[in-house]
Protein backbone atom coordinates (compact mmCIF):
# COMPACT_ATOMS: atom_id res chain seq x y z
CA MET A 1 -185.74 -161.49 -62.21
CA ASN A 2 -184.77 -159.29 -59.41
CA ASN A 3 -181.07 -159.36 -60.18
CA ASN A 4 -181.85 -158.03 -63.74
CA GLN A 5 -184.02 -155.48 -62.35
CA ARG A 6 -181.33 -154.48 -59.81
CA GLU A 7 -178.67 -154.44 -62.56
CA ASN A 8 -180.82 -152.31 -64.72
CA ILE A 9 -181.37 -149.82 -62.19
CA TYR A 10 -178.06 -149.50 -60.47
CA SER A 11 -175.64 -150.71 -63.06
CA LEU A 12 -172.63 -148.56 -64.05
CA LYS A 13 -172.06 -150.13 -67.14
CA GLY A 14 -170.70 -147.41 -69.59
CA LEU A 15 -169.81 -144.85 -66.68
CA LYS A 16 -166.32 -144.03 -68.03
CA SER A 17 -167.54 -143.27 -71.51
CA VAL A 18 -170.33 -140.92 -70.26
CA PHE A 19 -167.85 -139.25 -67.93
CA SER A 20 -165.12 -138.71 -70.77
CA PHE A 21 -167.63 -137.68 -73.44
CA THR A 22 -169.36 -135.12 -70.96
CA LEU A 23 -165.92 -133.69 -69.98
CA LYS A 24 -164.98 -133.05 -73.59
CA GLN A 25 -168.35 -131.47 -74.25
CA THR A 26 -168.06 -129.21 -71.54
CA PHE A 27 -164.85 -127.76 -72.78
CA LYS A 28 -166.11 -127.57 -76.22
CA ASN A 29 -169.07 -125.47 -74.99
CA LYS A 30 -168.02 -121.63 -75.24
CA GLY A 31 -170.06 -120.97 -72.32
CA TYR A 32 -168.39 -123.02 -70.03
CA VAL A 33 -164.81 -122.22 -71.19
CA PHE A 34 -165.72 -118.43 -70.92
CA SER A 35 -167.06 -119.09 -67.12
CA PHE A 36 -163.71 -120.97 -66.53
CA VAL A 37 -161.52 -118.21 -67.88
CA LEU A 38 -163.65 -115.48 -66.25
CA PHE A 39 -163.53 -116.93 -62.77
CA VAL A 40 -159.69 -117.46 -62.82
CA LEU A 41 -159.34 -113.73 -64.02
CA ILE A 42 -161.73 -112.46 -61.32
CA MET A 43 -159.56 -114.39 -58.63
CA ALA A 44 -156.48 -113.07 -60.05
CA ALA A 45 -158.05 -109.43 -59.64
CA MET A 46 -159.71 -109.81 -56.31
CA GLY A 47 -156.43 -109.87 -54.54
CA PRO A 48 -155.27 -106.33 -55.59
CA ILE A 49 -158.80 -105.08 -55.39
CA ASN A 50 -159.33 -106.25 -51.70
CA TYR A 51 -155.70 -104.96 -50.88
CA PHE A 52 -156.03 -101.44 -52.06
CA SER A 53 -159.69 -100.87 -51.19
CA THR A 54 -158.61 -101.43 -47.53
CA GLU A 55 -156.23 -100.02 -45.34
CA GLN A 56 -153.13 -101.84 -46.16
CA GLY A 57 -149.68 -101.24 -46.99
CA GLU A 58 -146.59 -100.21 -44.78
CA SER A 59 -147.84 -98.30 -41.80
CA LEU A 60 -144.73 -96.06 -41.84
CA VAL A 61 -145.27 -94.91 -45.69
CA ALA A 62 -147.65 -91.63 -45.67
CA ASP A 63 -150.57 -91.12 -47.64
CA LYS A 64 -149.32 -91.14 -51.07
CA LEU A 65 -148.64 -87.68 -52.61
CA ASP A 66 -150.22 -87.12 -56.02
CA ILE A 67 -149.40 -83.66 -57.23
CA THR A 68 -148.97 -84.55 -61.05
CA ASP A 69 -151.51 -82.06 -62.29
CA SER A 70 -150.91 -79.24 -60.00
CA ASN A 71 -149.29 -75.96 -60.31
CA ILE A 72 -147.08 -76.35 -57.35
CA GLU A 73 -143.66 -75.34 -58.45
CA LYS A 74 -142.00 -74.06 -55.09
CA ILE A 75 -142.65 -75.13 -51.63
CA TYR A 76 -141.53 -73.11 -48.61
CA ILE A 77 -141.15 -74.92 -45.49
CA SER A 78 -141.21 -73.44 -42.01
CA ASN A 79 -140.51 -75.56 -38.95
CA ASP A 80 -140.99 -73.79 -35.51
CA THR A 81 -140.84 -77.01 -33.45
CA ASP A 82 -138.10 -78.96 -31.75
CA VAL A 83 -138.59 -81.97 -34.25
CA LYS A 84 -135.84 -82.08 -37.11
CA TYR A 85 -138.05 -81.94 -40.21
CA ASP A 86 -136.79 -80.01 -42.97
CA LYS A 87 -136.13 -79.63 -46.89
CA GLU A 88 -134.63 -83.15 -47.31
CA ASP A 89 -137.74 -84.89 -45.44
CA VAL A 90 -140.01 -82.76 -47.83
CA ASP A 91 -138.25 -83.77 -50.78
CA ALA A 92 -138.20 -87.50 -49.89
CA THR A 93 -141.96 -87.37 -49.60
CA ILE A 94 -142.16 -85.68 -53.07
CA LEU A 95 -140.13 -88.34 -54.51
CA LYS A 96 -142.14 -91.00 -53.35
CA GLY A 97 -145.28 -89.58 -54.48
CA SER A 98 -146.43 -88.74 -58.02
CA PHE A 99 -145.50 -85.48 -59.95
CA ASP A 100 -145.22 -84.33 -63.43
CA LYS A 101 -141.87 -85.90 -64.64
CA GLU A 102 -141.59 -83.19 -67.45
CA LYS A 103 -141.73 -80.26 -65.05
CA GLY A 104 -139.88 -82.04 -62.50
CA ALA A 105 -140.61 -82.34 -58.61
CA PRO A 106 -141.35 -78.88 -56.97
CA GLU A 107 -138.41 -77.09 -55.43
CA VAL A 108 -138.29 -77.13 -51.66
CA VAL A 109 -136.90 -74.35 -49.77
CA ASP A 110 -136.27 -73.81 -45.86
CA ILE A 111 -137.12 -70.54 -44.15
CA LYS A 112 -137.06 -69.44 -40.77
CA SER A 113 -140.30 -69.04 -38.59
CA SER A 114 -139.08 -65.31 -38.29
CA ASP A 115 -139.29 -64.89 -42.30
CA LEU A 116 -142.92 -66.54 -42.40
CA LYS A 117 -144.74 -63.17 -42.68
CA SER A 118 -142.44 -61.84 -45.29
CA SER A 119 -142.46 -64.92 -47.18
CA ILE A 120 -146.43 -65.10 -47.39
CA ASP A 121 -146.62 -61.52 -48.56
CA SER A 122 -144.22 -62.45 -51.55
CA LEU A 123 -145.84 -65.71 -52.40
CA ASP A 124 -146.49 -66.06 -56.37
CA LYS A 125 -149.17 -67.93 -58.15
CA ASN A 126 -147.06 -71.36 -58.20
CA SER A 127 -145.66 -71.23 -54.68
CA CYS A 128 -146.81 -72.34 -51.28
CA ILE A 129 -145.77 -72.26 -47.83
CA VAL A 130 -146.08 -75.40 -45.46
CA SER A 131 -145.98 -74.17 -41.65
CA ILE A 132 -145.29 -76.52 -38.68
CA GLU A 133 -146.11 -74.83 -35.38
CA LYS A 134 -146.74 -75.93 -31.75
CA SER A 135 -149.94 -75.89 -30.27
CA GLU A 136 -152.14 -76.36 -27.28
CA LYS A 137 -152.78 -80.04 -28.76
CA GLY A 138 -149.42 -80.65 -29.81
CA PHE A 139 -148.57 -79.64 -33.36
CA THR A 140 -150.31 -77.99 -36.36
CA LEU A 141 -149.43 -78.35 -39.78
CA LYS A 142 -150.95 -75.82 -42.38
CA GLY A 143 -150.60 -74.99 -46.07
CA ILE A 144 -150.60 -71.59 -47.36
CA ILE A 145 -151.12 -69.97 -50.72
CA GLY A 146 -151.51 -66.42 -52.09
CA LYS A 147 -154.32 -64.47 -52.83
CA GLU A 148 -153.86 -64.90 -56.58
CA SER A 149 -152.44 -68.41 -56.31
CA ASP A 150 -152.99 -70.96 -59.20
CA ILE A 151 -152.55 -73.63 -56.98
CA LYS A 152 -155.89 -75.60 -56.22
CA PRO A 153 -156.88 -76.21 -52.55
CA SER A 154 -157.16 -79.82 -53.05
CA ASP A 155 -153.56 -80.10 -54.08
CA MET A 156 -152.96 -78.30 -50.98
CA ASP A 157 -154.95 -80.74 -48.82
CA ASN A 158 -153.25 -83.55 -50.65
CA LEU A 159 -149.80 -82.25 -49.82
CA THR A 160 -150.41 -81.32 -46.17
CA SER A 161 -151.95 -84.63 -45.54
CA SER A 162 -148.81 -86.37 -46.74
CA LEU A 163 -146.46 -84.21 -44.97
CA THR A 164 -148.61 -84.49 -41.61
CA SER A 165 -148.15 -88.30 -41.89
CA GLU A 166 -144.67 -87.99 -42.66
CA PHE A 167 -144.12 -85.49 -39.82
CA GLU A 168 -145.90 -87.71 -37.24
CA ASN A 169 -143.68 -90.73 -38.20
CA THR A 170 -140.56 -88.62 -38.00
CA ARG A 171 -141.45 -87.15 -34.48
CA LEU A 172 -142.29 -90.56 -33.02
CA LYS A 173 -139.01 -92.17 -34.27
CA GLN A 174 -137.02 -88.97 -32.68
CA ALA A 175 -138.86 -89.67 -29.55
CA GLY A 176 -137.29 -93.23 -29.47
CA ILE A 177 -140.08 -95.07 -30.43
CA SER A 178 -139.10 -98.18 -32.30
CA GLU A 179 -140.40 -99.10 -35.74
CA ASP A 180 -142.26 -102.18 -34.37
CA ASP A 181 -143.93 -99.97 -31.75
CA LEU A 182 -144.78 -97.43 -34.23
CA LYS A 183 -146.50 -100.01 -36.28
CA LEU A 184 -148.45 -101.17 -33.15
CA ILE A 185 -149.48 -97.47 -32.08
CA GLN A 186 -150.72 -96.97 -35.88
CA LYS A 187 -152.74 -100.21 -35.82
CA GLY A 188 -154.95 -98.60 -33.19
CA ILE A 189 -157.59 -100.39 -31.22
CA ASP A 190 -160.01 -102.94 -32.52
CA LYS A 191 -163.56 -102.19 -31.23
CA ASN A 192 -165.50 -105.65 -31.37
CA GLY A 193 -168.35 -104.05 -29.48
CA VAL A 194 -170.72 -106.39 -27.42
CA ILE A 195 -170.15 -110.06 -27.87
CA THR A 196 -172.05 -112.84 -26.01
CA GLU A 197 -170.71 -115.70 -24.19
CA THR A 198 -170.72 -118.07 -26.95
CA SER A 199 -168.53 -115.85 -29.09
CA TYR A 200 -166.23 -115.29 -26.56
CA ASN A 201 -165.66 -118.83 -25.60
CA SER A 202 -165.55 -119.83 -29.29
CA ARG A 203 -162.69 -117.39 -29.80
CA ASN A 204 -160.67 -118.41 -26.78
CA LYS A 205 -160.97 -122.21 -28.16
CA THR A 206 -159.95 -121.29 -31.60
CA GLY A 207 -157.47 -118.58 -30.99
CA LYS A 208 -159.13 -116.79 -33.98
CA THR A 209 -160.94 -113.33 -33.94
CA GLU A 210 -164.40 -112.94 -34.90
CA LYS A 211 -163.43 -111.45 -38.19
CA GLU A 212 -161.21 -114.42 -39.05
CA THR A 213 -163.67 -116.93 -38.29
CA SER A 214 -166.45 -114.75 -39.98
CA THR A 215 -164.17 -114.41 -42.88
CA GLY A 216 -163.49 -118.19 -43.21
CA THR A 217 -166.90 -119.32 -42.76
CA ASN A 218 -168.60 -116.87 -45.32
CA GLY A 219 -165.75 -117.76 -47.95
CA TYR A 220 -166.61 -121.53 -47.52
CA ILE A 221 -170.48 -121.01 -47.67
CA MET A 222 -169.91 -118.72 -50.87
CA VAL A 223 -167.73 -121.64 -52.46
CA ILE A 224 -170.42 -124.35 -51.83
CA PHE A 225 -172.96 -122.15 -53.43
CA PHE A 226 -170.94 -121.51 -56.56
CA VAL A 227 -170.11 -125.03 -56.94
CA SER A 228 -173.92 -125.93 -56.72
CA ILE A 229 -175.33 -123.54 -59.01
CA MET A 230 -172.45 -123.89 -61.53
CA SER A 231 -173.03 -127.86 -61.57
CA CYS A 232 -176.72 -127.87 -61.46
CA SER A 233 -177.58 -125.82 -64.16
CA TYR A 234 -175.30 -128.00 -66.49
CA ILE A 235 -176.61 -131.48 -65.24
CA ILE A 236 -180.39 -130.43 -65.65
CA SER A 237 -179.94 -128.69 -69.16
CA SER A 238 -177.77 -131.57 -70.49
CA LEU A 239 -180.32 -134.35 -69.30
CA THR A 240 -182.91 -132.53 -71.05
CA GLU A 241 -181.07 -131.88 -74.32
CA GLU A 242 -180.27 -135.55 -74.91
CA LYS A 243 -184.03 -136.68 -74.01
CA GLN A 244 -185.20 -133.96 -76.49
CA SER A 245 -182.94 -135.05 -79.17
CA LYS A 246 -183.66 -138.74 -78.65
CA LEU A 247 -179.89 -139.24 -78.21
CA VAL A 248 -180.60 -141.01 -74.91
CA GLU A 249 -182.39 -143.53 -76.64
CA SER A 250 -179.08 -144.60 -78.64
CA LEU A 251 -177.01 -144.28 -75.24
CA LEU A 252 -179.24 -146.74 -73.43
CA VAL A 253 -178.12 -149.60 -75.97
CA SER A 254 -174.69 -149.45 -74.39
CA VAL A 255 -174.96 -147.41 -71.03
CA ARG A 256 -177.13 -148.19 -68.13
CA PRO A 257 -179.13 -145.24 -66.84
CA MET A 258 -177.57 -144.81 -63.58
CA ALA A 259 -174.06 -144.88 -65.37
CA LEU A 260 -175.46 -141.75 -67.54
CA VAL A 261 -176.50 -139.57 -64.78
CA MET A 262 -173.31 -140.47 -62.49
CA GLY A 263 -171.02 -139.96 -65.56
CA LYS A 264 -172.49 -136.54 -65.97
CA ILE A 265 -172.20 -135.56 -62.19
CA LEU A 266 -168.53 -136.71 -62.14
CA ALA A 267 -167.61 -135.00 -64.96
CA MET A 268 -168.99 -131.77 -63.59
CA LEU A 269 -167.19 -132.52 -60.48
CA CYS A 270 -164.06 -132.51 -62.44
CA TYR A 271 -164.81 -129.37 -64.31
CA VAL A 272 -165.80 -127.53 -61.10
CA GLY A 273 -162.64 -128.97 -59.24
CA MET A 274 -160.63 -127.70 -62.08
CA ILE A 275 -161.96 -124.23 -61.77
CA LEU A 276 -161.55 -124.19 -57.76
CA GLY A 277 -157.83 -125.29 -58.18
CA CYS A 278 -157.09 -122.95 -60.94
CA GLY A 279 -158.74 -120.08 -59.02
CA LEU A 280 -157.09 -120.70 -55.90
CA LEU A 281 -153.25 -121.11 -57.60
CA VAL A 282 -153.87 -117.89 -59.31
CA SER A 283 -155.20 -116.34 -56.11
CA LYS A 284 -152.20 -117.31 -54.29
CA LEU A 285 -149.81 -116.12 -57.11
CA THR A 286 -151.31 -113.00 -57.26
CA VAL A 287 -150.59 -112.38 -53.33
CA LEU A 288 -147.03 -113.76 -53.82
CA PHE A 289 -146.54 -111.44 -56.70
CA MET A 290 -147.90 -108.57 -54.63
CA LYS A 291 -145.55 -109.48 -51.89
CA GLU A 292 -142.26 -110.28 -53.74
CA VAL A 293 -142.27 -108.11 -56.68
CA LEU A 294 -144.08 -105.30 -55.69
CA ASN A 295 -142.72 -105.47 -52.13
CA LEU A 296 -145.95 -104.70 -50.68
CA ASN A 297 -146.60 -105.08 -46.97
CA MET A 298 -148.95 -107.87 -46.50
CA ASP A 299 -149.22 -108.19 -42.86
CA ASN A 300 -152.69 -106.85 -42.67
CA TYR A 301 -153.91 -108.55 -45.56
CA ASN A 302 -156.95 -110.71 -44.82
CA GLY A 303 -157.06 -112.80 -48.04
CA VAL A 304 -159.62 -112.98 -50.54
CA GLY A 305 -161.47 -115.35 -53.12
CA LEU A 306 -160.75 -119.06 -52.43
CA ASP A 307 -158.85 -118.76 -49.00
CA PHE A 308 -159.33 -122.14 -47.33
CA LYS A 309 -156.87 -120.75 -44.17
CA ILE A 310 -159.49 -121.79 -41.69
CA PHE A 311 -159.01 -125.34 -42.83
CA THR A 312 -155.51 -125.46 -43.71
CA GLU A 313 -154.37 -123.94 -40.32
CA GLU A 314 -155.69 -127.31 -38.80
CA GLY A 315 -153.21 -129.31 -40.73
CA PHE A 316 -154.02 -132.76 -42.37
CA ILE A 317 -157.31 -133.15 -40.59
CA GLY A 318 -158.54 -129.70 -41.91
CA VAL A 319 -157.99 -130.61 -45.48
CA VAL A 320 -159.54 -134.06 -44.87
CA ILE A 321 -162.70 -132.12 -43.64
CA LEU A 322 -162.60 -129.64 -46.40
CA ILE A 323 -162.33 -132.39 -49.10
CA THR A 324 -165.03 -134.48 -47.57
CA SER A 325 -167.41 -131.60 -46.95
CA LEU A 326 -167.04 -130.28 -50.88
CA LEU A 327 -167.76 -133.98 -52.19
CA LEU A 328 -170.64 -134.29 -49.93
CA ALA A 329 -172.07 -130.99 -50.66
CA TYR A 330 -171.63 -131.39 -54.21
CA ILE A 331 -173.01 -134.94 -54.72
CA PHE A 332 -176.05 -134.07 -52.38
CA PHE A 333 -177.06 -130.99 -54.78
CA ALA A 334 -175.97 -133.00 -57.96
CA MET A 335 -178.26 -136.04 -57.04
CA ILE A 336 -181.31 -133.57 -56.51
CA CYS A 337 -180.64 -132.36 -60.03
CA GLY A 338 -180.17 -135.82 -61.46
CA VAL A 339 -184.02 -136.68 -59.98
CA LEU A 340 -185.38 -133.53 -61.47
CA GLY A 341 -183.47 -133.60 -64.73
CA SER A 342 -184.76 -136.99 -65.48
CA MET A 343 -188.20 -135.66 -65.54
CA CYS A 344 -187.57 -132.69 -67.82
CA SER A 345 -188.84 -133.27 -71.55
CA LYS A 346 -188.85 -129.53 -72.72
CA THR A 347 -187.13 -126.27 -71.91
CA GLU A 348 -189.88 -125.30 -69.66
CA ASP A 349 -189.28 -128.18 -67.87
CA THR A 350 -185.73 -127.29 -67.13
CA GLN A 351 -186.61 -123.96 -65.74
CA THR A 352 -189.11 -125.41 -63.41
CA ALA A 353 -186.66 -128.16 -62.45
CA LEU A 354 -183.60 -125.66 -61.96
CA GLY A 355 -186.01 -123.45 -59.97
CA TYR A 356 -186.67 -126.22 -57.26
CA VAL A 357 -182.95 -126.76 -56.99
CA MET A 358 -182.41 -122.96 -56.56
CA ILE A 359 -185.04 -122.89 -53.80
CA VAL A 360 -183.09 -125.67 -51.81
CA VAL A 361 -179.60 -124.05 -52.54
CA MET A 362 -180.87 -120.45 -51.48
CA ILE A 363 -182.53 -121.61 -48.28
CA GLY A 364 -179.18 -123.22 -47.19
CA TYR A 365 -177.03 -120.42 -48.69
CA PHE A 366 -179.07 -117.50 -46.65
CA ALA A 367 -179.69 -119.65 -43.68
CA SER A 368 -176.24 -120.62 -43.09
CA PHE A 369 -175.37 -117.01 -43.23
CA TYR A 370 -177.66 -116.33 -40.53
CA LEU A 371 -176.89 -119.41 -38.26
CA SER A 372 -173.09 -118.97 -38.60
CA ASN A 373 -173.31 -115.54 -36.89
CA SER A 374 -176.15 -116.70 -34.51
CA ASP A 375 -175.44 -116.99 -30.83
CA SER A 376 -178.31 -119.47 -30.62
CA VAL A 377 -176.63 -122.77 -29.45
CA SER A 378 -179.59 -125.04 -30.36
CA LEU A 379 -180.00 -123.58 -33.84
CA THR A 380 -176.28 -124.12 -34.48
CA HIS A 381 -176.59 -127.64 -33.79
CA VAL A 382 -179.55 -128.08 -35.79
CA GLY A 383 -178.10 -126.43 -38.68
CA ALA A 384 -175.22 -128.37 -38.55
CA LEU A 385 -176.86 -131.65 -38.61
CA VAL A 386 -179.89 -131.09 -40.99
CA PRO A 387 -179.26 -130.99 -44.92
CA PRO A 388 -179.17 -128.81 -46.85
CA LEU A 389 -177.69 -126.72 -44.09
CA SER A 390 -175.13 -128.93 -42.96
CA CYS A 391 -173.34 -129.11 -46.34
CA PHE A 392 -172.83 -125.22 -45.76
CA LEU A 393 -172.28 -125.25 -41.82
CA ALA A 394 -171.09 -128.40 -40.51
CA PRO A 395 -167.03 -128.26 -41.21
CA THR A 396 -166.76 -124.59 -40.33
CA MET A 397 -168.93 -124.67 -37.35
CA TYR A 398 -166.73 -127.46 -36.11
CA LEU A 399 -163.42 -125.59 -36.93
CA CYS A 400 -164.73 -122.60 -34.89
CA LYS A 401 -165.46 -124.97 -31.88
CA LYS A 402 -169.28 -124.43 -32.02
CA ILE A 403 -169.81 -128.08 -32.34
CA GLU A 404 -167.77 -131.04 -31.29
CA LEU A 405 -166.12 -133.72 -33.57
CA TRP A 406 -168.83 -136.34 -32.89
CA GLU A 407 -171.47 -133.89 -34.17
CA LEU A 408 -169.31 -133.37 -37.35
CA LEU A 409 -169.22 -137.05 -37.99
CA ILE A 410 -172.89 -137.60 -37.39
CA SER A 411 -173.59 -134.74 -39.85
CA PHE A 412 -171.27 -136.38 -42.55
CA ALA A 413 -173.37 -139.61 -41.76
CA ILE A 414 -176.59 -137.86 -42.33
CA GLN A 415 -175.40 -136.42 -45.62
CA PHE A 416 -173.97 -139.62 -46.59
CA THR A 417 -177.31 -141.22 -45.85
CA ALA A 418 -179.38 -138.57 -47.69
CA ILE A 419 -177.29 -139.13 -50.73
CA ALA A 420 -177.75 -142.60 -50.69
CA LEU A 421 -181.45 -142.28 -50.61
CA LEU A 422 -181.32 -139.70 -53.38
CA ILE A 423 -179.33 -142.23 -55.44
CA ARG A 424 -182.07 -144.77 -54.88
CA VAL A 425 -184.63 -142.19 -55.79
CA CYS A 426 -182.54 -141.24 -58.83
CA ALA A 427 -182.23 -144.70 -60.10
CA LYS A 428 -186.41 -145.12 -59.79
CA THR A 429 -186.89 -141.84 -61.56
CA TYR A 430 -184.46 -142.78 -64.29
CA LYS A 431 -186.05 -145.96 -64.94
CA THR A 432 -189.59 -144.48 -65.11
CA PHE A 433 -188.97 -140.96 -66.85
CA LEU A 434 -185.97 -141.29 -68.94
CA LEU A 435 -187.81 -142.49 -72.17
CA LYS A 436 -191.15 -140.96 -71.15
CA ASN A 437 -192.66 -137.34 -71.46
CA ILE A 438 -194.74 -136.32 -68.50
CA ASP A 439 -196.78 -133.10 -68.15
CA LYS A 440 -194.82 -131.35 -65.47
CA VAL A 441 -192.04 -131.61 -63.09
CA SER A 442 -193.55 -132.32 -59.42
CA LEU A 443 -193.00 -134.15 -56.24
CA ASN A 444 -196.22 -136.13 -57.04
CA GLU A 445 -194.70 -137.76 -60.16
CA ILE A 446 -191.64 -138.89 -58.04
CA VAL A 447 -193.82 -140.58 -55.56
CA LYS A 448 -195.46 -142.34 -58.29
CA ALA A 449 -191.98 -143.70 -59.66
CA LEU A 450 -191.08 -144.60 -56.20
CA LYS A 451 -194.19 -146.91 -55.95
CA ASN A 452 -193.60 -148.39 -59.31
CA LYS A 453 -192.05 -152.10 -59.07
């Protein structure tokens, strides 16, 4: 009797059939196909968006000149300094920028500083002067237009800004500063502000800046959040629909209850894995295209989207930690969905069950963001050991050297134990609720199911 009961509760008979059926149905669902394609497209677009929205590109290239719609037809350049910067340099700046190709690039003319006043007096509506002079602070570059000029001040600001950057680069080069030194100068100083002893020691141990560790940690937390939300919604709604349609009664003829829920969980794991894999691949291909085809300087590019650099930089052990962490986190939240999904008999129950799961996920999500940036040693250790916080925090806290390897292994062991308990609870609730309608989804009903023998 006990053996039969154990088989009825824990048997995985029919697992393969449920897995293949669920995976096929997932890709027949337009909503999930749309989510798949949308996610991949977002990952493809995030690279360029991140690149051009921050200070990137080659440090020696001036602010891009855009005078496409301007009325600038002629530029006089007056250089009263020891720096060689004349018509050829201005022409080069214009040709690298944007201008009306039909009208052609503005004509550039060198003038002597002694002729500056007479040139100003004779400016027409479409001409301007760029004057470079020595000053107490070093050099002054200013744009001059006539009283009746048709040239907009914004176009002159654009022009003088671009020429100022180019002039500064030219001046430093002529002073004997190498290109590498020039890049270093233009990077400026990174002001990290005040940091604690914990943050300082962590940085020294890992060799990573606070920004690098923060980017890696936050990226991993968001991946866990995405995986949890994406899979939980489908698992609960799928179980409810089968129960409402009485399909589950037919399935139980050849499929054991535990196989039914595990088949769905593993199918969604495969679906989410394919999304993450395609997103990671597209993200890397986009960066490669920007670097090799567009010839953009990626030295200051911090990465975007599914960037697991914080793991991959650790080599094989980092990849093992990443895969183990993702699997444990996914199965932990999926089993919670399996328990709650077995209790759902109608759409209202689905919303309630999903709400409970969302509370657990959101607590882990927001708390992990706070704890990952906290300098409290005790809170960090607690967060790395206690589910669901440990699902978000443990691996990155180890890689950031905020916890030791033995603590990470204990965290994995606790997560595995929690999953084993959830599997037991899931088996019990399935036996009790799968063919039974209850009034509401509640913890009290789960306790009753666990007491049943």
